[in-house]
PDB file of N, CA and C in Angstrom:
ATOM      1  N   TYR A   1      35.825  32.272  15.948  1.00  0.00           N
ATOM      2  CA  TYR A   1      36.851  32.604  16.936  1.00  0.00           C
ATOM      3  C   TYR A   1      37.207  31.416  17.825  1.00  0.00           C
ATOM      4  N   GLY A   2      36.459  30.344  17.762  1.00  0.00           N
ATOM      5  CA  GLY A   2      36.738  29.175  18.584  1.00  0.00           C
ATOM      6  C   GLY A   2      36.313  29.316  20.027  1.00  0.00           C
ATOM      7  N   ASP A   3      35.451  30.288  20.318  1.00  0.00           N
ATOM      8  CA  ASP A   3      35.050  30.504  21.705  1.00  0.00           C
ATOM      9  C   ASP A   3      33.580  30.188  21.961  1.00  0.00           C
ATOM     10  N   LEU A   4      32.949  29.495  21.041  1.00  0.00           N
ATOM     11  CA  LEU A   4      31.572  29.060  21.219  1.00  0.00           C
ATOM     12  C   LEU A   4      31.567  27.556  21.397  1.00  0.00           C
ATOM     13  N   MET A   5      30.868  27.076  22.417  1.00  0.00           N
ATOM     14  CA  MET A   5      30.827  25.639  22.646  1.00  0.00           C
ATOM     15  C   MET A   5      29.395  25.143  22.566  1.00  0.00           C
ATOM     16  N   VAL A   6      29.263  23.919  22.158  1.00  0.00           N
ATOM     17  CA  VAL A   6      27.969  23.248  22.145  1.00  0.00           C
ATOM     18  C   VAL A   6      28.170  21.920  22.861  1.00  0.00           C
ATOM     19  N   ALA A   7      27.432  21.733  23.940  1.00  0.00           N
ATOM     20  CA  ALA A   7      27.563  20.516  24.746  1.00  0.00           C
ATOM     21  C   ALA A   7      26.378  19.596  24.478  1.00  0.00           C
ATOM     22  N   ASN A   8      26.612  18.325  24.501  1.00  0.00           N
ATOM     23  CA  ASN A   8      25.552  17.339  24.320  1.00  0.00           C
ATOM     24  C   ASN A   8      24.903  17.052  25.680  1.00  0.00           C
ATOM     25  N   ILE A   9      24.261  18.092  26.233  1.00  0.00           N
ATOM     26  CA  ILE A   9      23.622  18.003  27.542  1.00  0.00           C
ATOM     27  C   ILE A   9      22.212  18.565  27.390  1.00  0.00           C
ATOM     28  N   SER A  10      21.218  17.860  27.882  1.00  0.00           N
ATOM     29  CA  SER A  10      19.833  18.334  27.815  1.00  0.00           C
ATOM     30  C   SER A  10      19.697  19.654  28.560  1.00  0.00           C
ATOM     31  N   ASP A  11      18.879  20.534  28.039  1.00  0.00           N
ATOM     32  CA  ASP A  11      18.665  21.831  28.665  1.00  0.00           C
ATOM     33  C   ASP A  11      17.453  21.754  29.587  1.00  0.00           C
ATOM     34  N   VAL A  12      17.644  21.080  30.722  1.00  0.00           N
ATOM     35  CA  VAL A  12      16.592  20.930  31.717  1.00  0.00           C
ATOM     36  C   VAL A  12      17.158  21.294  33.090  1.00  0.00           C
ATOM     37  N   TYR A  13      16.272  21.531  34.036  1.00  0.00           N
ATOM     38  CA  TYR A  13      16.676  21.966  35.380  1.00  0.00           C
ATOM     39  C   TYR A  13      17.730  21.048  35.995  1.00  0.00           C
ATOM     40  N   GLY A  14      17.576  19.753  35.853  1.00  0.00           N
ATOM     41  CA  GLY A  14      18.466  18.790  36.497  1.00  0.00           C
ATOM     42  C   GLY A  14      19.882  18.755  35.953  1.00  0.00           C
ATOM     43  N   THR A  15      20.140  19.414  34.824  1.00  0.00           N
ATOM     44  CA  THR A  15      21.493  19.388  34.246  1.00  0.00           C
ATOM     45  C   THR A  15      22.243  20.703  34.423  1.00  0.00           C
ATOM     46  N   MET A  16      21.698  21.629  35.184  1.00  0.00           N
ATOM     47  CA  MET A  16      22.344  22.937  35.335  1.00  0.00           C
ATOM     48  C   MET A  16      23.768  22.820  35.874  1.00  0.00           C
ATOM     49  N   THR A  17      23.964  22.022  36.897  1.00  0.00           N
ATOM     50  CA  THR A  17      25.300  21.856  37.467  1.00  0.00           C
ATOM     51  C   THR A  17      26.241  21.214  36.457  1.00  0.00           C
ATOM     52  N   SER A  18      25.761  20.188  35.756  1.00  0.00           N
ATOM     53  CA  SER A  18      26.593  19.521  34.750  1.00  0.00           C
ATOM     54  C   SER A  18      27.029  20.485  33.662  1.00  0.00           C
ATOM     55  N   LYS A  19      26.123  21.351  33.217  1.00  0.00           N
ATOM     56  CA  LYS A  19      26.469  22.326  32.174  1.00  0.00           C
ATOM     57  C   LYS A  19      27.541  23.292  32.663  1.00  0.00           C
ATOM     58  N   THR A  20      27.416  23.761  33.894  1.00  0.00           N
ATOM     59  CA  THR A  20      28.391  24.703  34.430  1.00  0.00           C
ATOM     60  C   THR A  20      29.758  24.039  34.572  1.00  0.00           C
ATOM     61  N   ILE A  21      29.794  22.841  35.121  1.00  0.00           N
ATOM     62  CA  ILE A  21      31.063  22.117  35.276  1.00  0.00           C
ATOM     63  C   ILE A  21      31.679  21.847  33.911  1.00  0.00           C
ATOM     64  N   TRP A  22      30.875  21.430  32.942  1.00  0.00           N
ATOM     65  CA  TRP A  22      31.375  21.153  31.601  1.00  0.00           C
ATOM     66  C   TRP A  22      31.993  22.403  30.999  1.00  0.00           C
ATOM     67  N   MET A  23      31.324  23.551  31.140  1.00  0.00           N
ATOM     68  CA  MET A  23      31.829  24.807  30.601  1.00  0.00           C
ATOM     69  C   MET A  23      33.162  25.178  31.225  1.00  0.00           C
ATOM     70  N   ILE A  24      33.273  25.052  32.517  1.00  0.00           N
ATOM     71  CA  ILE A  24      34.520  25.425  33.193  1.00  0.00           C
ATOM     72  C   ILE A  24      35.644  24.476  32.792  1.00  0.00           C
ATOM     73  N   GLN A  25      35.378  23.179  32.754  1.00  0.00           N
ATOM     74  CA  GLN A  25      36.411  22.231  32.329  1.00  0.00           C
ATOM     75  C   GLN A  25      36.837  22.500  30.891  1.00  0.00           C
ATOM     76  N   TRP A  26      35.894  22.737  30.011  1.00  0.00           N
ATOM     77  CA  TRP A  26      36.194  23.045  28.615  1.00  0.00           C
ATOM     78  C   TRP A  26      37.085  24.279  28.523  1.00  0.00           C
ATOM     79  N   SER A  27      36.709  25.320  29.261  1.00  0.00           N
ATOM     80  CA  SER A  27      37.468  26.562  29.182  1.00  0.00           C
ATOM     81  C   SER A  27      38.876  26.419  29.766  1.00  0.00           C
ATOM     82  N   LEU A  28      39.038  25.630  30.806  1.00  0.00           N
ATOM     83  CA  LEU A  28      40.367  25.450  31.399  1.00  0.00           C
ATOM     84  C   LEU A  28      41.287  24.620  30.507  1.00  0.00           C
ATOM     85  N   ASN A  29      40.719  23.680  29.772  1.00  0.00           N
ATOM     86  CA  ASN A  29      41.532  22.779  28.949  1.00  0.00           C
ATOM     87  C   ASN A  29      41.852  23.309  27.560  1.00  0.00           C
ATOM     88  N   LEU A  30      41.022  24.149  26.999  1.00  0.00           N
ATOM     89  CA  LEU A  30      41.166  24.468  25.587  1.00  0.00           C
ATOM     90  C   LEU A  30      41.527  25.909  25.258  1.00  0.00           C
ATOM     91  N   LEU A  31      41.364  26.813  26.148  1.00  0.00           N
ATOM     92  CA  LEU A  31      41.535  28.212  25.791  1.00  0.00           C
ATOM     93  C   LEU A  31      42.581  28.922  26.641  1.00  0.00           C
ATOM     94  N   ALA A  32      43.174  29.931  26.053  1.00  0.00           N
ATOM     95  CA  ALA A  32      44.021  30.861  26.802  1.00  0.00           C
ATOM     96  C   ALA A  32      43.187  32.133  26.987  1.00  0.00           C
ATOM     97  N   TYR A  33      42.864  32.476  28.189  1.00  0.00           N
ATOM     98  CA  TYR A  33      42.012  33.629  28.457  1.00  0.00           C
ATOM     99  C   TYR A  33      42.278  34.131  29.862  1.00  0.00           C
ATOM    100  N   ASP A  34      41.806  35.341  30.137  1.00  0.00           N
ATOM    101  CA  ASP A  34      41.894  35.907  31.483  1.00  0.00           C
ATOM    102  C   ASP A  34      40.584  35.742  32.247  1.00  0.00           C
ATOM    103  N   TYR A  35      39.456  35.779  31.530  1.00  0.00           N
ATOM    104  CA  TYR A  35      38.134  35.701  32.146  1.00  0.00           C
ATOM    105  C   TYR A  35      37.252  34.755  31.344  1.00  0.00           C
ATOM    106  N   VAL A  36      36.251  34.212  31.993  1.00  0.00           N
ATOM    107  CA  VAL A  36      35.249  33.389  31.316  1.00  0.00           C
ATOM    108  C   VAL A  36      33.876  33.845  31.800  1.00  0.00           C
ATOM    109  N   MET A  37      32.906  33.776  30.884  1.00  0.00           N
ATOM    110  CA  MET A  37      31.543  34.160  31.222  1.00  0.00           C
ATOM    111  C   MET A  37      30.599  33.066  30.768  1.00  0.00           C
ATOM    112  N   LEU A  38      29.696  32.687  31.629  1.00  0.00           N
ATOM    113  CA  LEU A  38      28.624  31.761  31.286  1.00  0.00           C
ATOM    114  C   LEU A  38      27.344  32.569  31.334  1.00  0.00           C
ATOM    115  N   ILE A  39      26.577  32.495  30.253  1.00  0.00           N
ATOM    116  CA  ILE A  39      25.305  33.221  30.214  1.00  0.00           C
ATOM    117  C   ILE A  39      24.267  32.350  29.537  1.00  0.00           C
ATOM    118  N   ASP A  40      23.067  32.338  30.078  1.00  0.00           N
ATOM    119  CA  ASP A  40      21.971  31.579  29.477  1.00  0.00           C
ATOM    120  C   ASP A  40      21.623  32.162  28.112  1.00  0.00           C
ATOM    121  N   ASP A  41      21.170  31.304  27.213  1.00  0.00           N
ATOM    122  CA  ASP A  41      20.849  31.759  25.861  1.00  0.00           C
ATOM    123  C   ASP A  41      19.600  32.634  25.798  1.00  0.00           C
ATOM    124  N   ASP A  42      18.831  32.678  26.874  1.00  0.00           N
ATOM    125  CA  ASP A  42      17.647  33.528  26.880  1.00  0.00           C
ATOM    126  C   ASP A  42      17.844  34.778  27.739  1.00  0.00           C
ATOM    127  N   ALA A  43      19.093  35.128  28.012  1.00  0.00           N
ATOM    128  CA  ALA A  43      19.419  36.314  28.802  1.00  0.00           C
ATOM    129  C   ALA A  43      20.079  37.361  27.904  1.00  0.00           C
ATOM    130  N   THR A  44      19.999  38.600  28.332  1.00  0.00           N
ATOM    131  CA  THR A  44      20.596  39.704  27.589  1.00  0.00           C
ATOM    132  C   THR A  44      21.608  40.408  28.476  1.00  0.00           C
ATOM    133  N   VAL A  45      22.747  40.732  27.908  1.00  0.00           N
ATOM    134  CA  VAL A  45      23.753  41.526  28.618  1.00  0.00           C
ATOM    135  C   VAL A  45      23.679  42.947  28.078  1.00  0.00           C
ATOM    136  N   PHE A  46      23.492  43.900  28.956  1.00  0.00           N
ATOM    137  CA  PHE A  46      23.525  45.310  28.571  1.00  0.00           C
ATOM    138  C   PHE A  46      24.972  45.770  28.714  1.00  0.00           C
ATOM    139  N   TRP A  47      25.680  45.734  27.596  1.00  0.00           N
ATOM    140  CA  TRP A  47      27.126  45.958  27.609  1.00  0.00           C
ATOM    141  C   TRP A  47      27.514  47.320  28.147  1.00  0.00           C
ATOM    142  N   LYS A  48      26.683  48.335  27.992  1.00  0.00           N
ATOM    143  CA  LYS A  48      27.068  49.653  28.508  1.00  0.00           C
ATOM    144  C   LYS A  48      27.138  49.647  30.033  1.00  0.00           C
ATOM    145  N   TYR A  49      26.399  48.740  30.677  1.00  0.00           N
ATOM    146  CA  TYR A  49      26.472  48.608  32.134  1.00  0.00           C
ATOM    147  C   TYR A  49      27.503  47.573  32.554  1.00  0.00           C
ATOM    148  N   PHE A  50      27.679  46.553  31.717  1.00  0.00           N
ATOM    149  CA  PHE A  50      28.594  45.466  32.067  1.00  0.00           C
ATOM    150  C   PHE A  50      30.053  45.820  31.772  1.00  0.00           C
ATOM    151  N   ALA A  51      30.301  46.619  30.744  1.00  0.00           N
ATOM    152  CA  ALA A  51      31.675  46.981  30.363  1.00  0.00           C
ATOM    153  C   ALA A  51      32.479  47.572  31.526  1.00  0.00           C
ATOM    154  N   PRO A  52      31.925  48.487  32.333  1.00  0.00           N
ATOM    155  CA  PRO A  52      32.713  49.001  33.469  1.00  0.00           C
ATOM    156  C   PRO A  52      33.113  47.909  34.463  1.00  0.00           C
ATOM    157  N   VAL A  53      32.255  46.903  34.634  1.00  0.00           N
ATOM    158  CA  VAL A  53      32.591  45.777  35.519  1.00  0.00           C
ATOM    159  C   VAL A  53      33.799  45.035  34.959  1.00  0.00           C
ATOM    160  N   VAL A  54      33.776  44.797  33.658  1.00  0.00           N
ATOM    161  CA  VAL A  54      34.879  44.093  32.998  1.00  0.00           C
ATOM    162  C   VAL A  54      36.165  44.897  33.124  1.00  0.00           C
ATOM    163  N   LEU A  55      36.094  46.195  32.887  1.00  0.00           N
ATOM    164  CA  LEU A  55      37.287  47.041  32.917  1.00  0.00           C
ATOM    165  C   LEU A  55      37.887  47.165  34.318  1.00  0.00           C
ATOM    166  N   MET A  56      37.055  47.057  35.357  1.00  0.00           N
ATOM    167  CA  MET A  56      37.553  47.172  36.734  1.00  0.00           C
ATOM    168  C   MET A  56      37.908  45.828  37.356  1.00  0.00           C
ATOM    169  N   ALA A  57      37.645  44.741  36.653  1.00  0.00           N
ATOM    170  CA  ALA A  57      37.858  43.404  37.208  1.00  0.00           C
ATOM    171  C   ALA A  57      39.332  43.145  37.497  1.00  0.00           C
ATOM    172  N   LYS A  58      39.593  42.547  38.646  1.00  0.00           N
ATOM    173  CA  LYS A  58      40.952  42.126  38.992  1.00  0.00           C
ATOM    174  C   LYS A  58      41.313  40.909  38.142  1.00  0.00           C
ATOM    175  N   ARG A  59      42.583  40.730  37.860  1.00  0.00           N
ATOM    176  CA  ARG A  59      43.037  39.586  37.055  1.00  0.00           C
ATOM    177  C   ARG A  59      42.950  38.278  37.828  1.00  0.00           C
ATOM    178  N   ARG A  60      42.956  38.339  39.141  1.00  0.00           N
ATOM    179  CA  ARG A  60      42.912  37.128  39.963  1.00  0.00           C
ATOM    180  C   ARG A  60      41.841  37.283  41.034  1.00  0.00           C
ATOM    181  N   GLY A  61      41.182  36.176  41.342  1.00  0.00           N
ATOM    182  CA  GLY A  61      40.207  36.169  42.422  1.00  0.00           C
ATOM    183  C   GLY A  61      38.929  36.927  42.128  1.00  0.00           C
ATOM    184  N   PHE A  62      38.592  37.106  40.854  1.00  0.00           N
ATOM    185  CA  PHE A  62      37.406  37.895  40.506  1.00  0.00           C
ATOM    186  C   PHE A  62      36.219  36.986  40.187  1.00  0.00           C
ATOM    187  N   TYR A  63      35.060  37.345  40.734  1.00  0.00           N
ATOM    188  CA  TYR A  63      33.806  36.652  40.435  1.00  0.00           C
ATOM    189  C   TYR A  63      32.689  37.683  40.447  1.00  0.00           C
ATOM    190  N   SER A  64      31.859  37.661  39.434  1.00  0.00           N
ATOM    191  CA  SER A  64      30.691  38.531  39.383  1.00  0.00           C
ATOM    192  C   SER A  64      29.492  37.661  39.050  1.00  0.00           C
ATOM    193  N   GLY A  65      28.462  37.762  39.832  1.00  0.00           N
ATOM    194  CA  GLY A  65      27.263  36.957  39.656  1.00  0.00           C
ATOM    195  C   GLY A  65      26.699  36.647  41.025  1.00  0.00           C
ATOM    196  N   HIS A  66      25.547  36.035  41.048  1.00  0.00           N
ATOM    197  CA  HIS A  66      24.937  35.682  42.334  1.00  0.00           C
ATOM    198  C   HIS A  66      25.652  34.465  42.925  1.00  0.00           C
ATOM    199  N   LYS A  67      25.949  34.535  44.205  1.00  0.00           N
ATOM    200  CA  LYS A  67      26.559  33.400  44.889  1.00  0.00           C
ATOM    201  C   LYS A  67      25.782  33.109  46.167  1.00  0.00           C
ATOM    202  N   HIS A  68      25.322  31.869  46.301  1.00  0.00           N
ATOM    203  CA  HIS A  68      24.663  31.445  47.543  1.00  0.00           C
ATOM    204  C   HIS A  68      25.739  31.073  48.554  1.00  0.00           C
ATOM    205  N   ARG A  69      25.529  31.466  49.788  1.00  0.00           N
ATOM    206  CA  ARG A  69      26.431  31.099  50.876  1.00  0.00           C
ATOM    207  C   ARG A  69      25.590  30.519  52.009  1.00  0.00           C
ATOM    208  N   HIS A  70      26.012  29.405  52.527  1.00  0.00           N
ATOM    209  CA  HIS A  70      25.363  28.774  53.686  1.00  0.00           C
ATOM    210  C   HIS A  70      23.880  28.487  53.434  1.00  0.00           C
ATOM    211  N   LEU A  71      23.532  28.131  52.219  1.00  0.00           N
ATOM    212  CA  LEU A  71      22.148  27.794  51.899  1.00  0.00           C
ATOM    213  C   LEU A  71      21.793  26.467  52.559  1.00  0.00           C
ATOM    214  N   LYS A  72      20.710  26.455  53.329  1.00  0.00           N
ATOM    215  CA  LYS A  72      20.280  25.249  54.031  1.00  0.00           C
ATOM    216  C   LYS A  72      19.830  24.192  53.029  1.00  0.00           C
ATOM    217  N   VAL A  73      20.280  22.973  53.250  1.00  0.00           N
ATOM    218  CA  VAL A  73      19.902  21.839  52.412  1.00  0.00           C
ATOM    219  C   VAL A  73      18.478  21.421  52.747  1.00  0.00           C
ATOM    220  N   LYS A  74      17.680  21.158  51.725  1.00  0.00           N
ATOM    221  CA  LYS A  74      16.325  20.638  51.917  1.00  0.00           C
ATOM    222  C   LYS A  74      16.404  19.129  51.726  1.00  0.00           C
ATOM    223  N   HIS A  75      16.420  18.420  52.836  1.00  0.00           N
ATOM    224  CA  HIS A  75      16.468  16.958  52.767  1.00  0.00           C
ATOM    225  C   HIS A  75      15.053  16.403  52.675  1.00  0.00           C
ATOM    226  N   CYS A  76      14.842  15.516  51.732  1.00  0.00           N
ATOM    227  CA  CYS A  76      13.512  14.948  51.479  1.00  0.00           C
ATOM    228  C   CYS A  76      12.934  14.259  52.720  1.00  0.00           C
ATOM    229  N   GLU A  77      13.789  13.672  53.546  1.00  0.00           N
ATOM    230  CA  GLU A  77      13.321  12.908  54.705  1.00  0.00           C
ATOM    231  C   GLU A  77      12.877  13.793  55.873  1.00  0.00           C
ATOM    232  N   ASP A  78      13.297  15.064  55.878  1.00  0.00           N
ATOM    233  CA  ASP A  78      12.950  15.955  56.988  1.00  0.00           C
ATOM    234  C   ASP A  78      11.467  16.305  56.926  1.00  0.00           C
ATOM    235  N   ALA A  79      10.797  16.200  58.070  1.00  0.00           N
ATOM    236  CA  ALA A  79       9.343  16.380  58.129  1.00  0.00           C
ATOM    237  C   ALA A  79       8.886  17.719  57.560  1.00  0.00           C
ATOM    238  N   HIS A  80       9.602  18.786  57.830  1.00  0.00           N
ATOM    239  CA  HIS A  80       9.138  20.107  57.388  1.00  0.00           C
ATOM    240  C   HIS A  80       9.371  20.350  55.892  1.00  0.00           C
ATOM    241  N   PHE A  81       9.982  19.425  55.191  1.00  0.00           N
ATOM    242  CA  PHE A  81      10.167  19.575  53.748  1.00  0.00           C
ATOM    243  C   PHE A  81       9.377  18.547  52.939  1.00  0.00           C
ATOM    244  N   THR A  82       8.663  17.644  53.583  1.00  0.00           N
ATOM    245  CA  THR A  82       7.998  16.571  52.846  1.00  0.00           C
ATOM    246  C   THR A  82       6.705  17.014  52.174  1.00  0.00           C
ATOM    247  N   GLY A  83       5.970  17.939  52.744  1.00  0.00           N
ATOM    248  CA  GLY A  83       4.695  18.347  52.170  1.00  0.00           C
ATOM    249  C   GLY A  83       4.849  19.010  50.810  1.00  0.00           C
ATOM    250  N   GLY A  84       4.476  18.310  49.765  1.00  0.00           N
ATOM    251  CA  GLY A  84       4.514  18.870  48.420  1.00  0.00           C
ATOM    252  C   GLY A  84       5.896  18.943  47.789  1.00  0.00           C
ATOM    253  N   MET A  85       6.900  18.432  48.474  1.00  0.00           N
ATOM    254  CA  MET A  85       8.246  18.489  47.909  1.00  0.00           C
ATOM    255  C   MET A  85       8.379  17.476  46.789  1.00  0.00           C
ATOM    256  N   THR A  86       9.094  17.839  45.759  1.00  0.00           N
ATOM    257  CA  THR A  86       9.408  16.921  44.681  1.00  0.00           C
ATOM    258  C   THR A  86      10.907  16.710  44.656  1.00  0.00           C
ATOM    259  N   LYS A  87      11.375  15.759  43.858  1.00  0.00           N
ATOM    260  CA  LYS A  87      12.797  15.486  43.761  1.00  0.00           C
ATOM    261  C   LYS A  87      13.567  16.727  43.312  1.00  0.00           C
ATOM    262  N   LYS A  88      12.920  17.583  42.557  1.00  0.00           N
ATOM    263  CA  LYS A  88      13.560  18.827  42.107  1.00  0.00           C
ATOM    264  C   LYS A  88      13.895  19.731  43.289  1.00  0.00           C
ATOM    265  N   ASN A  89      13.115  19.638  44.350  1.00  0.00           N
ATOM    266  CA  ASN A  89      13.251  20.562  45.471  1.00  0.00           C
ATOM    267  C   ASN A  89      14.049  20.042  46.654  1.00  0.00           C
ATOM    268  N   CYS A  90      14.459  18.781  46.631  1.00  0.00           N
ATOM    269  CA  CYS A  90      15.153  18.257  47.801  1.00  0.00           C
ATOM    270  C   CYS A  90      16.137  17.156  47.406  1.00  0.00           C
ATOM    271  N   VAL A  91      17.029  16.837  48.347  1.00  0.00           N
ATOM    272  CA  VAL A  91      17.984  15.739  48.175  1.00  0.00           C
ATOM    273  C   VAL A  91      17.856  14.824  49.383  1.00  0.00           C
ATOM    274  N   THR A  92      18.278  13.588  49.225  1.00  0.00           N
ATOM    275  CA  THR A  92      18.260  12.668  50.363  1.00  0.00           C
ATOM    276  C   THR A  92      19.542  12.865  51.165  1.00  0.00           C
ATOM    277  N   TRP A  93      19.534  12.402  52.417  1.00  0.00           N
ATOM    278  CA  TRP A  93      20.740  12.461  53.245  1.00  0.00           C
ATOM    279  C   TRP A  93      21.851  11.636  52.610  1.00  0.00           C
ATOM    280  N   GLN A  94      21.479  10.579  51.915  1.00  0.00           N
ATOM    281  CA  GLN A  94      22.482   9.739  51.246  1.00  0.00           C
ATOM    282  C   GLN A  94      23.154  10.500  50.097  1.00  0.00           C
ATOM    283  N   GLU A  95      22.395  11.341  49.402  1.00  0.00           N
ATOM    284  CA  GLU A  95      22.949  12.134  48.304  1.00  0.00           C
ATOM    285  C   GLU A  95      23.869  13.250  48.803  1.00  0.00           C
ATOM    286  N   PHE A  96      23.486  13.879  49.917  1.00  0.00           N
ATOM    287  CA  PHE A  96      24.282  14.985  50.470  1.00  0.00           C
ATOM    288  C   PHE A  96      24.053  15.021  51.965  1.00  0.00           C
ATOM    289  N   ASP A  97      25.095  14.727  52.747  1.00  0.00           N
ATOM    290  CA  ASP A  97      24.919  14.520  54.192  1.00  0.00           C
ATOM    291  C   ASP A  97      25.324  15.718  55.053  1.00  0.00           C
ATOM    292  N   LYS A  98      25.215  16.928  54.513  1.00  0.00           N
ATOM    293  CA  LYS A  98      25.539  18.144  55.271  1.00  0.00           C
ATOM    294  C   LYS A  98      24.262  18.949  55.510  1.00  0.00           C
ATOM    295  N   GLU A  99      24.310  19.851  56.478  1.00  0.00           N
ATOM    296  CA  GLU A  99      23.165  20.716  56.792  1.00  0.00           C
ATOM    297  C   GLU A  99      23.042  21.880  55.810  1.00  0.00           C
ATOM    298  N   SER A 100      24.185  22.344  55.264  1.00  0.00           N
ATOM    299  CA  SER A 100      24.141  23.449  54.304  1.00  0.00           C
ATOM    300  C   SER A 100      25.137  23.194  53.183  1.00  0.00           C
ATOM    301  N   TYR A 101      24.846  23.802  52.024  1.00  0.00           N
ATOM    302  CA  TYR A 101      25.709  23.647  50.856  1.00  0.00           C
ATOM    303  C   TYR A 101      26.933  24.553  50.973  1.00  0.00           C
ATOM    304  N   PRO A 102      28.036  24.165  50.353  1.00  0.00           N
ATOM    305  CA  PRO A 102      29.168  25.103  50.269  1.00  0.00           C
ATOM    306  C   PRO A 102      28.767  26.246  49.328  1.00  0.00           C
ATOM    307  N   PRO A 103      29.481  27.361  49.332  1.00  0.00           N
ATOM    308  CA  PRO A 103      29.132  28.458  48.422  1.00  0.00           C
ATOM    309  C   PRO A 103      29.078  27.979  46.970  1.00  0.00           C
ATOM    310  N   PHE A 104      28.064  28.451  46.228  1.00  0.00           N
ATOM    311  CA  PHE A 104      27.957  28.069  44.823  1.00  0.00           C
ATOM    312  C   PHE A 104      27.315  29.187  44.014  1.00  0.00           C
ATOM    313  N   ALA A 105      27.669  29.225  42.725  1.00  0.00           N
ATOM    314  CA  ALA A 105      27.128  30.217  41.804  1.00  0.00           C
ATOM    315  C   ALA A 105      25.702  29.850  41.433  1.00  0.00           C
ATOM    316  N   SER A 106      24.903  30.862  41.193  1.00  0.00           N
ATOM    317  CA  SER A 106      23.519  30.638  40.820  1.00  0.00           C
ATOM    318  C   SER A 106      23.054  31.801  39.950  1.00  0.00           C
ATOM    319  N   GLY A 107      22.219  31.515  38.999  1.00  0.00           N
ATOM    320  CA  GLY A 107      21.658  32.585  38.197  1.00  0.00           C
ATOM    321  C   GLY A 107      21.875  32.391  36.712  1.00  0.00           C
ATOM    322  N   PHE A 108      21.517  33.419  35.940  1.00  0.00           N
ATOM    323  CA  PHE A 108      21.563  33.322  34.486  1.00  0.00           C
ATOM    324  C   PHE A 108      22.918  33.682  33.909  1.00  0.00           C
ATOM    325  N   ALA A 109      23.835  34.236  34.713  1.00  0.00           N
ATOM    326  CA  ALA A 109      25.147  34.611  34.172  1.00  0.00           C
ATOM    327  C   ALA A 109      26.177  34.690  35.288  1.00  0.00           C
ATOM    328  N   TYR A 110      27.407  34.258  34.983  1.00  0.00           N
ATOM    329  CA  TYR A 110      28.534  34.441  35.887  1.00  0.00           C
ATOM    330  C   TYR A 110      29.723  34.884  35.042  1.00  0.00           C
ATOM    331  N   TYR A 111      30.568  35.686  35.646  1.00  0.00           N
ATOM    332  CA  TYR A 111      31.768  36.182  34.993  1.00  0.00           C
ATOM    333  C   TYR A 111      32.897  36.025  35.996  1.00  0.00           C
ATOM    334  N   MET A 112      33.980  35.379  35.620  1.00  0.00           N
ATOM    335  CA  MET A 112      35.032  35.101  36.601  1.00  0.00           C
ATOM    336  C   MET A 112      36.412  35.069  35.958  1.00  0.00           C
ATOM    337  N   SER A 113      37.419  35.331  36.790  1.00  0.00           N
ATOM    338  CA  SER A 113      38.797  35.227  36.325  1.00  0.00           C
ATOM    339  C   SER A 113      39.186  33.763  36.206  1.00  0.00           C
ATOM    340  N   ARG A 114      40.213  33.505  35.426  1.00  0.00           N
ATOM    341  CA  ARG A 114      40.618  32.123  35.136  1.00  0.00           C
ATOM    342  C   ARG A 114      40.937  31.329  36.409  1.00  0.00           C
ATOM    343  N   ASP A 115      41.588  31.951  37.392  1.00  0.00           N
ATOM    344  CA  ASP A 115      41.945  31.228  38.614  1.00  0.00           C
ATOM    345  C   ASP A 115      40.718  30.819  39.416  1.00  0.00           C
ATOM    346  N   VAL A 116      39.643  31.569  39.318  1.00  0.00           N
ATOM    347  CA  VAL A 116      38.395  31.212  40.003  1.00  0.00           C
ATOM    348  C   VAL A 116      37.726  30.044  39.281  1.00  0.00           C
ATOM    349  N   ALA A 117      37.778  30.077  37.945  1.00  0.00           N
ATOM    350  CA  ALA A 117      37.193  28.983  37.155  1.00  0.00           C
ATOM    351  C   ALA A 117      37.884  27.691  37.517  1.00  0.00           C
TER     352      ALA A 117
END
């Protein structure tokens, strides 16, 4: 059907954002669709529960999935984050100079309308 993609990106924690951005760019450039879904390969969708969500979804401005809002940034240099913190758990002020992240998707699956993508 032409709707399966394979990206040359390592499947490790540090590439999660890259994979999501790649998927959205791929879907915006190559396909005609109303909705896009990203799901981890080790997750299961129970379609009998998910189908009603799909059927009720608005054509514009729709997003389903976990979204973090106002999540505090863990800066490596801050004293209360240094004990036992690894690069996986924090960023430097040089990498990101804000106190909190903008809203972002998180989790094993997201479903969204094309305008949101």
